[in-house]
C-alpha atoms as a PDB file:
ATOM      1  CA  UNK A   1      16.851   6.716  39.158  1.00  0.00           C
ATOM      2  CA  UNK A   2      19.332   6.989  36.594  1.00  0.00           C
ATOM      3  CA  UNK A   3      19.132   3.360  36.117  1.00  0.00           C
ATOM      4  CA  UNK A   4      15.469   3.696  35.524  1.00  0.00           C
ATOM      5  CA  UNK A   5      15.354   6.524  33.165  1.00  0.00           C
ATOM      6  CA  UNK A   6      16.899   4.151  30.120  1.00  0.00           C
ATOM      7  CA  UNK A   7      14.395   1.259  30.561  1.00  0.00           C
ATOM      8  CA  UNK A   8      11.251   3.432  31.276  1.00  0.00           C
ATOM      9  CA  UNK A   9      12.205   5.440  27.899  1.00  0.00           C
ATOM     10  CA  UNK A  10      12.546   2.409  25.862  1.00  0.00           C
ATOM     11  CA  UNK A  11       9.104   0.974  27.240  1.00  0.00           C
ATOM     12  CA  UNK A  12       7.553   4.125  26.228  1.00  0.00           C
ATOM     13  CA  UNK A  13       9.096   4.173  22.903  1.00  0.00           C
ATOM     14  CA  UNK A  14       7.810   0.858  22.239  1.00  0.00           C
ATOM     15  CA  UNK A  15       4.704   0.902  23.310  1.00  0.00           C
ATOM     16  CA  UNK A  16       4.006   3.377  21.246  1.00  0.00           C
ATOM     17  CA  UNK A  17       4.847   1.087  18.219  1.00  0.00           C
ATOM     18  CA  UNK A  18       2.341  -1.432  19.438  1.00  0.00           C
ATOM     19  CA  UNK A  19      -0.840   0.886  18.629  1.00  0.00           C
ATOM     20  CA  UNK A  20      -0.251   1.267  14.922  1.00  0.00           C
ATOM     21  CA  UNK A  21      -2.870  -0.443  13.030  1.00  0.00           C
ATOM     22  CA  UNK A  22      -1.845  -2.592   9.791  1.00  0.00           C
ATOM     23  CA  UNK A  23      -4.814  -3.194   7.020  1.00  0.00           C
ATOM     24  CA  UNK A  24      -4.074  -5.797   3.991  1.00  0.00           C
ATOM     25  CA  UNK A  25      -5.593  -4.961   0.639  1.00  0.00           C
ATOM     26  CA  UNK A  26      -6.602  -7.155  -2.216  1.00  0.00           C
ATOM     27  CA  UNK A  27      -8.093  -7.796  -5.212  1.00  0.00           C
ATOM     28  CA  UNK A  28      -7.895  -9.289  -8.441  1.00  0.00           C
ATOM     29  CA  UNK A  29      -8.845  -9.051 -12.243  1.00  0.00           C
ATOM     30  CA  UNK A  30      -8.314 -11.222 -15.407  1.00  0.00           C
ATOM     31  CA  UNK A  31      -4.802  -9.480 -15.489  1.00  0.00           C
ATOM     32  CA  UNK A  32      -3.783  -8.483 -12.530  1.00  0.00           C
ATOM     33  CA  UNK A  33      -3.421  -9.463  -8.691  1.00  0.00           C
ATOM     34  CA  UNK A  34      -2.802  -6.439  -6.394  1.00  0.00           C
ATOM     35  CA  UNK A  35      -1.601  -5.921  -2.389  1.00  0.00           C
ATOM     36  CA  UNK A  36      -1.926  -3.228  -1.134  1.00  0.00           C
ATOM     37  CA  UNK A  37      -0.330  -2.441   2.434  1.00  0.00           C
ATOM     38  CA  UNK A  38      -1.057   0.276   5.017  1.00  0.00           C
ATOM     39  CA  UNK A  39       0.468   0.920   8.370  1.00  0.00           C
ATOM     40  CA  UNK A  40      -1.121   3.705  10.282  1.00  0.00           C
ATOM     41  CA  UNK A  41       1.484   5.061  12.553  1.00  0.00           C
ATOM     42  CA  UNK A  42      -0.986   8.050  14.232  1.00  0.00           C
ATOM     43  CA  UNK A  43      -3.975   9.580  13.676  1.00  0.00           C
ATOM     44  CA  UNK A  44      -2.629  11.662  10.646  1.00  0.00           C
ATOM     45  CA  UNK A  45       0.796   9.578   9.890  1.00  0.00           C
ATOM     46  CA  UNK A  46       0.904   6.218   8.003  1.00  0.00           C
ATOM     47  CA  UNK A  47       3.327   4.141   5.725  1.00  0.00           C
ATOM     48  CA  UNK A  48       2.118   2.651   2.254  1.00  0.00           C
ATOM     49  CA  UNK A  49       3.686  -0.203  -0.129  1.00  0.00           C
ATOM     50  CA  UNK A  50       1.683  -2.192  -2.812  1.00  0.00           C
ATOM     51  CA  UNK A  51       2.825  -5.080  -5.031  1.00  0.00           C
ATOM     52  CA  UNK A  52       1.003  -5.814  -8.732  1.00  0.00           C
ATOM     53  CA  UNK A  53       1.245  -9.331 -10.225  1.00  0.00           C
ATOM     54  CA  UNK A  54       0.630 -10.046 -13.686  1.00  0.00           C
ATOM     55  CA  UNK A  55      -1.613 -13.151 -14.017  1.00  0.00           C
ATOM     56  CA  UNK A  56      -3.120 -12.742 -17.528  1.00  0.00           C
ATOM     57  CA  UNK A  57      -2.500 -15.123 -20.341  1.00  0.00           C
ATOM     58  CA  UNK A  58      -0.084 -12.992 -22.723  1.00  0.00           C
ATOM     59  CA  UNK A  59       3.410 -12.063 -21.881  1.00  0.00           C
ATOM     60  CA  UNK A  60       3.534 -10.312 -18.827  1.00  0.00           C
ATOM     61  CA  UNK A  61       4.176  -6.248 -19.909  1.00  0.00           C
ATOM     62  CA  UNK A  62       7.938  -4.937 -18.740  1.00  0.00           C
ATOM     63  CA  UNK A  63       6.253  -1.651 -17.690  1.00  0.00           C
ATOM     64  CA  UNK A  64       2.992  -0.007 -16.355  1.00  0.00           C
ATOM     65  CA  UNK A  65       1.287   2.814 -15.417  1.00  0.00           C
ATOM     66  CA  UNK A  66      -1.025   2.863 -11.961  1.00  0.00           C
ATOM     67  CA  UNK A  67      -3.271   5.000 -10.143  1.00  0.00           C
ATOM     68  CA  UNK A  68      -4.782   4.015  -6.575  1.00  0.00           C
ATOM     69  CA  UNK A  69      -7.226   6.263  -5.233  1.00  0.00           C
ATOM     70  CA  UNK A  70      -8.300   6.086  -1.623  1.00  0.00           C
ATOM     71  CA  UNK A  71     -10.605   8.629   0.495  1.00  0.00           C
ATOM     72  CA  UNK A  72      -7.461  10.119   2.074  1.00  0.00           C
ATOM     73  CA  UNK A  73      -5.911  10.891  -1.547  1.00  0.00           C
ATOM     74  CA  UNK A  74      -3.996   8.778  -4.535  1.00  0.00           C
ATOM     75  CA  UNK A  75      -0.885   7.633  -5.617  1.00  0.00           C
ATOM     76  CA  UNK A  76       0.274   6.887  -9.223  1.00  0.00           C
ATOM     77  CA  UNK A  77       3.357   6.310 -10.891  1.00  0.00           C
ATOM     78  CA  UNK A  78       4.383   5.849 -14.629  1.00  0.00           C
ATOM     79  CA  UNK A  79       6.955   3.506 -15.891  1.00  0.00           C
ATOM     80  CA  UNK A  80       7.144   1.128 -13.207  1.00  0.00           C
ATOM     81  CA  UNK A  81       9.133  -1.753 -14.205  1.00  0.00           C
ATOM     82  CA  UNK A  82       8.390  -5.526 -13.457  1.00  0.00           C
ATOM     83  CA  UNK A  83      10.319  -7.694 -13.309  1.00  0.00           C
ATOM     84  CA  UNK A  84       8.931 -11.250 -14.210  1.00  0.00           C
ATOM     85  CA  UNK A  85       5.419  -9.927 -14.196  1.00  0.00           C
ATOM     86  CA  UNK A  86       5.927  -8.498 -10.485  1.00  0.00           C
ATOM     87  CA  UNK A  87       6.044  -4.806  -9.708  1.00  0.00           C
ATOM     88  CA  UNK A  88       5.922  -2.517  -6.683  1.00  0.00           C
ATOM     89  CA  UNK A  89       3.592   0.492  -6.114  1.00  0.00           C
ATOM     90  CA  UNK A  90       2.799   3.079  -3.540  1.00  0.00           C
ATOM     91  CA  UNK A  91       5.855   2.878  -1.718  1.00  0.00           C
ATOM     92  CA  UNK A  92       6.045   5.833   0.965  1.00  0.00           C
ATOM     93  CA  UNK A  93       4.592   7.442   3.878  1.00  0.00           C
ATOM     94  CA  UNK A  94       2.916  10.961   4.705  1.00  0.00           C
ATOM     95  CA  UNK A  95       2.771  13.074   7.953  1.00  0.00           C
ATOM     96  CA  UNK A  96      -0.203  15.422   8.565  1.00  0.00           C
ATOM     97  CA  UNK A  97      -2.474  13.746   6.183  1.00  0.00           C
ATOM     98  CA  UNK A  98      -5.658  12.001   6.324  1.00  0.00           C
ATOM     99  CA  UNK A  99      -4.849   8.497   6.696  1.00  0.00           C
ATOM    100  CA  UNK A 100      -6.701   4.879   4.964  1.00  0.00           C
ATOM    101  CA  UNK A 101      -9.488   3.483   7.165  1.00  0.00           C
ATOM    102  CA  UNK A 102      -9.917   0.436   8.224  1.00  0.00           C
ATOM    103  CA  UNK A 103     -13.344  -0.698   6.117  1.00  0.00           C
ATOM    104  CA  UNK A 104     -12.414   1.407   3.023  1.00  0.00           C
ATOM    105  CA  UNK A 105     -12.489   0.240  -0.699  1.00  0.00           C
ATOM    106  CA  UNK A 106      -9.214   1.331  -2.575  1.00  0.00           C
ATOM    107  CA  UNK A 107      -9.666   1.688  -6.396  1.00  0.00           C
ATOM    108  CA  UNK A 108      -6.434   0.822  -8.720  1.00  0.00           C
ATOM    109  CA  UNK A 109      -6.165   1.819 -12.306  1.00  0.00           C
ATOM    110  CA  UNK A 110      -3.534  -0.672 -14.156  1.00  0.00           C
ATOM    111  CA  UNK A 111      -2.516   0.635 -17.814  1.00  0.00           C
ATOM    112  CA  UNK A 112      -0.012  -1.443 -19.594  1.00  0.00           C
ATOM    113  CA  UNK A 113       0.606  -1.893 -23.358  1.00  0.00           C
ATOM    114  CA  UNK A 114      -2.876  -0.182 -24.769  1.00  0.00           C
ATOM    115  CA  UNK A 115      -4.928  -1.757 -21.860  1.00  0.00           C
ATOM    116  CA  UNK A 116      -6.707  -0.705 -18.944  1.00  0.00           C
ATOM    117  CA  UNK A 117      -7.979  -2.497 -15.871  1.00  0.00           C
ATOM    118  CA  UNK A 118      -9.886  -1.788 -13.070  1.00  0.00           C
ATOM    119  CA  UNK A 119      -9.653  -3.188  -9.548  1.00  0.00           C
ATOM    120  CA  UNK A 120     -11.288  -2.871  -6.521  1.00  0.00           C
ATOM    121  CA  UNK A 121      -9.128  -3.697  -2.993  1.00  0.00           C
ATOM    122  CA  UNK A 122     -10.806  -4.756   0.246  1.00  0.00           C
ATOM    123  CA  UNK A 123      -9.290  -4.955   3.813  1.00  0.00           C
ATOM    124  CA  UNK A 124      -8.355  -8.720   4.263  1.00  0.00           C
ATOM    125  CA  UNK A 125      -8.802  -8.334   8.223  1.00  0.00           C
END
């Protein structure tokens, strides 16, 4: 009986991980490509991460500010450093929160060097 406890426990733990949903949102503007990935871990728990890439004709900025808006909440950052025109945004998780929905439109605003652009991200799935 004791020999079954570990495999059964492991199976239950792993089966909980399989039920998560993953949404990949993306969008482009004149100067930016934005990718935002949300993994729904439970009905009120999620992990998120995002990437911005400068695609404009001018030199890429070194630092940006951003604001990411979903129906479940906002995320923002200042002083986000870019390396070779690429930076990370919205990295984090929440528990006991409203989670992003599959059909949601995610709005992103990026500010750099006195300029601002807004993008709408759509789920790629």
